[in-house]
N, C-alpha and C. Protein backbone atom coordinates (compact mmCIF):
# COMPACT_ATOMS: atom_id res chain seq x y z
N MET A 1 -4.97 -2.95 -13.88
CA MET A 1 -5.39 -2.03 -12.84
C MET A 1 -6.01 -2.83 -11.70
N ASN A 2 -5.52 -2.61 -10.49
CA ASN A 2 -6.09 -3.23 -9.30
C ASN A 2 -7.34 -2.46 -8.90
N LYS A 3 -8.43 -3.17 -8.65
CA LYS A 3 -9.68 -2.53 -8.24
C LYS A 3 -9.92 -2.83 -6.77
N PHE A 4 -10.20 -1.78 -5.99
CA PHE A 4 -10.46 -1.94 -4.57
C PHE A 4 -11.15 -0.69 -4.04
N ASN A 5 -11.73 -0.80 -2.86
CA ASN A 5 -12.35 0.33 -2.18
C ASN A 5 -11.28 1.01 -1.33
N PRO A 6 -10.95 2.28 -1.59
CA PRO A 6 -9.86 2.93 -0.85
C PRO A 6 -10.13 3.03 0.65
N ARG A 7 -11.37 3.01 1.07
CA ARG A 7 -11.67 3.09 2.51
C ARG A 7 -11.36 1.79 3.24
N LYS A 8 -11.16 0.71 2.51
CA LYS A 8 -10.89 -0.59 3.13
C LYS A 8 -9.43 -1.01 2.99
N LEU A 9 -8.55 -0.06 2.81
CA LEU A 9 -7.13 -0.36 2.64
C LEU A 9 -6.42 -0.67 3.95
N GLN A 10 -6.96 -0.22 5.06
CA GLN A 10 -6.32 -0.42 6.37
C GLN A 10 -6.01 -1.90 6.58
N LEU A 11 -4.76 -2.22 6.91
CA LEU A 11 -4.25 -3.56 7.17
C LEU A 11 -4.29 -4.50 5.97
N SER A 12 -4.40 -3.95 4.75
CA SER A 12 -4.35 -4.80 3.57
C SER A 12 -2.90 -5.13 3.23
N LYS A 13 -2.70 -6.23 2.51
CA LYS A 13 -1.37 -6.73 2.18
C LYS A 13 -1.09 -6.49 0.70
N TRP A 14 0.17 -6.11 0.40
CA TRP A 14 0.57 -5.79 -0.97
C TRP A 14 1.94 -6.38 -1.26
N THR A 15 2.16 -6.74 -2.53
CA THR A 15 3.44 -7.26 -2.99
C THR A 15 3.99 -6.32 -4.06
N ALA A 16 5.23 -5.91 -3.89
CA ALA A 16 5.89 -5.07 -4.90
C ALA A 16 6.32 -5.94 -6.07
N CYS A 17 6.04 -5.50 -7.28
CA CYS A 17 6.43 -6.26 -8.48
C CYS A 17 7.93 -6.16 -8.75
N ALA A 18 8.54 -5.06 -8.33
CA ALA A 18 9.99 -4.88 -8.49
C ALA A 18 10.58 -4.55 -7.11
N PRO A 19 10.82 -5.58 -6.29
CA PRO A 19 11.33 -5.35 -4.93
C PRO A 19 12.71 -4.70 -4.91
N THR A 20 12.93 -3.85 -3.92
CA THR A 20 14.23 -3.24 -3.70
C THR A 20 14.67 -3.53 -2.28
N ASP A 21 15.93 -3.81 -2.09
CA ASP A 21 16.51 -4.11 -0.76
C ASP A 21 15.75 -5.23 -0.04
N ARG A 22 15.34 -6.26 -0.81
CA ARG A 22 14.64 -7.42 -0.27
C ARG A 22 13.27 -7.08 0.31
N GLU A 23 12.77 -5.89 0.03
CA GLU A 23 11.46 -5.48 0.53
C GLU A 23 10.42 -5.79 -0.56
N LYS A 24 9.73 -6.89 -0.37
CA LYS A 24 8.76 -7.34 -1.34
C LYS A 24 7.34 -7.25 -0.80
N HIS A 25 7.14 -7.62 0.44
CA HIS A 25 5.82 -7.65 1.05
C HIS A 25 5.61 -6.43 1.95
N PHE A 26 4.42 -5.84 1.81
CA PHE A 26 4.08 -4.63 2.54
C PHE A 26 2.70 -4.76 3.18
N LEU A 27 2.50 -4.00 4.25
CA LEU A 27 1.23 -3.96 4.96
C LEU A 27 0.82 -2.50 5.11
N VAL A 28 -0.43 -2.18 4.81
CA VAL A 28 -0.93 -0.82 4.98
C VAL A 28 -1.20 -0.63 6.47
N THR A 29 -0.42 0.19 7.14
CA THR A 29 -0.57 0.39 8.57
C THR A 29 -1.45 1.58 8.91
N LYS A 30 -1.54 2.55 8.01
CA LYS A 30 -2.35 3.74 8.26
C LYS A 30 -2.98 4.22 6.97
N LEU A 31 -4.20 4.71 7.09
CA LEU A 31 -4.89 5.35 5.99
C LEU A 31 -5.05 6.82 6.37
N LEU A 32 -4.36 7.69 5.66
CA LEU A 32 -4.38 9.12 5.97
C LEU A 32 -5.49 9.80 5.16
N CYS A 33 -6.44 10.44 5.87
CA CYS A 33 -7.61 11.03 5.24
C CYS A 33 -7.64 12.54 5.49
N ASP A 34 -8.42 13.23 4.66
CA ASP A 34 -8.61 14.66 4.87
C ASP A 34 -9.72 14.88 5.90
N GLU A 35 -10.13 16.13 6.09
CA GLU A 35 -11.13 16.48 7.09
C GLU A 35 -12.49 15.83 6.81
N GLU A 36 -12.77 15.57 5.55
CA GLU A 36 -14.06 14.99 5.17
C GLU A 36 -14.05 13.46 5.23
N GLY A 37 -12.91 12.87 5.52
CA GLY A 37 -12.80 11.42 5.60
C GLY A 37 -12.43 10.76 4.29
N THR A 38 -12.07 11.56 3.29
CA THR A 38 -11.66 11.03 2.00
C THR A 38 -10.20 10.59 2.07
N PRO A 39 -9.90 9.35 1.71
CA PRO A 39 -8.50 8.88 1.74
C PRO A 39 -7.60 9.70 0.81
N ILE A 40 -6.42 10.03 1.31
CA ILE A 40 -5.45 10.79 0.53
C ILE A 40 -4.18 9.97 0.32
N GLN A 41 -3.66 9.41 1.41
CA GLN A 41 -2.40 8.67 1.35
C GLN A 41 -2.50 7.42 2.22
N VAL A 42 -1.59 6.48 1.96
CA VAL A 42 -1.47 5.29 2.78
C VAL A 42 -0.04 5.20 3.31
N GLU A 43 0.09 4.62 4.45
CA GLU A 43 1.40 4.38 5.05
C GLU A 43 1.68 2.90 4.93
N LEU A 44 2.70 2.55 4.15
CA LEU A 44 3.06 1.15 3.93
C LEU A 44 4.28 0.79 4.77
N GLU A 45 4.22 -0.37 5.41
CA GLU A 45 5.34 -0.85 6.21
C GLU A 45 5.87 -2.13 5.57
N ALA A 46 7.17 -2.15 5.30
CA ALA A 46 7.81 -3.33 4.74
C ALA A 46 7.89 -4.41 5.82
N VAL A 47 7.49 -5.61 5.49
CA VAL A 47 7.50 -6.70 6.45
C VAL A 47 8.92 -7.11 6.79
N TYR A 48 9.80 -7.12 5.82
CA TYR A 48 11.18 -7.58 6.01
C TYR A 48 11.99 -6.63 6.91
N SER A 49 11.88 -5.33 6.66
CA SER A 49 12.74 -4.38 7.36
C SER A 49 12.00 -3.43 8.29
N ALA A 50 10.68 -3.44 8.27
CA ALA A 50 9.85 -2.54 9.07
C ALA A 50 10.01 -1.07 8.67
N ARG A 51 10.56 -0.83 7.47
CA ARG A 51 10.68 0.53 6.96
C ARG A 51 9.30 1.02 6.59
N VAL A 52 9.01 2.29 6.87
CA VAL A 52 7.70 2.87 6.59
C VAL A 52 7.84 3.91 5.48
N ALA A 53 6.90 3.88 4.54
CA ALA A 53 6.87 4.85 3.45
C ALA A 53 5.42 5.31 3.26
N VAL A 54 5.26 6.57 2.87
CA VAL A 54 3.93 7.13 2.64
C VAL A 54 3.76 7.35 1.13
N PHE A 55 2.63 6.84 0.60
CA PHE A 55 2.32 6.94 -0.82
C PHE A 55 0.91 7.49 -1.01
N ASP A 56 0.66 8.03 -2.19
CA ASP A 56 -0.70 8.34 -2.60
C ASP A 56 -1.39 7.00 -2.80
N TRP A 57 -2.59 6.81 -2.29
CA TRP A 57 -3.26 5.51 -2.36
C TRP A 57 -3.51 5.08 -3.80
N ARG A 58 -3.57 6.02 -4.73
CA ARG A 58 -3.84 5.70 -6.13
C ARG A 58 -2.68 4.93 -6.78
N GLU A 59 -1.48 5.03 -6.21
CA GLU A 59 -0.33 4.30 -6.74
C GLU A 59 -0.53 2.79 -6.62
N LEU A 60 -1.31 2.35 -5.64
CA LEU A 60 -1.55 0.92 -5.46
C LEU A 60 -2.43 0.35 -6.56
N ARG A 61 -3.10 1.19 -7.32
CA ARG A 61 -3.95 0.72 -8.42
C ARG A 61 -3.13 0.27 -9.62
N ASP A 62 -1.87 0.68 -9.70
CA ASP A 62 -1.02 0.34 -10.84
C ASP A 62 -0.54 -1.11 -10.70
N SER A 63 -1.12 -2.01 -11.48
CA SER A 63 -0.79 -3.43 -11.37
C SER A 63 0.61 -3.75 -11.91
N LYS A 64 1.26 -2.80 -12.55
CA LYS A 64 2.64 -3.01 -13.00
C LYS A 64 3.62 -2.88 -11.84
N HIS A 65 3.21 -2.19 -10.77
CA HIS A 65 4.09 -1.97 -9.61
C HIS A 65 3.63 -2.71 -8.36
N TRP A 66 2.34 -2.96 -8.22
CA TRP A 66 1.79 -3.57 -7.01
C TRP A 66 0.80 -4.68 -7.33
N LYS A 67 0.85 -5.74 -6.51
CA LYS A 67 -0.13 -6.82 -6.58
C LYS A 67 -0.82 -6.91 -5.22
N MET A 68 -2.12 -7.17 -5.25
CA MET A 68 -2.86 -7.34 -3.99
C MET A 68 -2.49 -8.66 -3.34
N GLY A 69 -2.36 -8.64 -2.03
CA GLY A 69 -2.00 -9.83 -1.28
C GLY A 69 -0.50 -10.08 -1.30
N TRP A 70 -0.10 -11.16 -0.64
CA TRP A 70 1.31 -11.54 -0.62
C TRP A 70 1.51 -12.72 -1.55
N CYS A 71 2.24 -12.52 -2.60
CA CYS A 71 2.48 -13.58 -3.60
C CYS A 71 3.83 -14.19 -3.40
């Protein structure tokens, strides 16, 4: 399990453990929060293709799918 503060995810770097379409490295470009400022989702941008995907921020805690930083 990856441990991190969800409020500090903005511009953090992530590596997919099982890359698809050569998309291995990702950057958190947006942190989507509710009205109270609680993080709900993150917007990840693939470095290779610039494709953007929106995920629940809790998915990044799964160390079987994501690693912190660029490996």
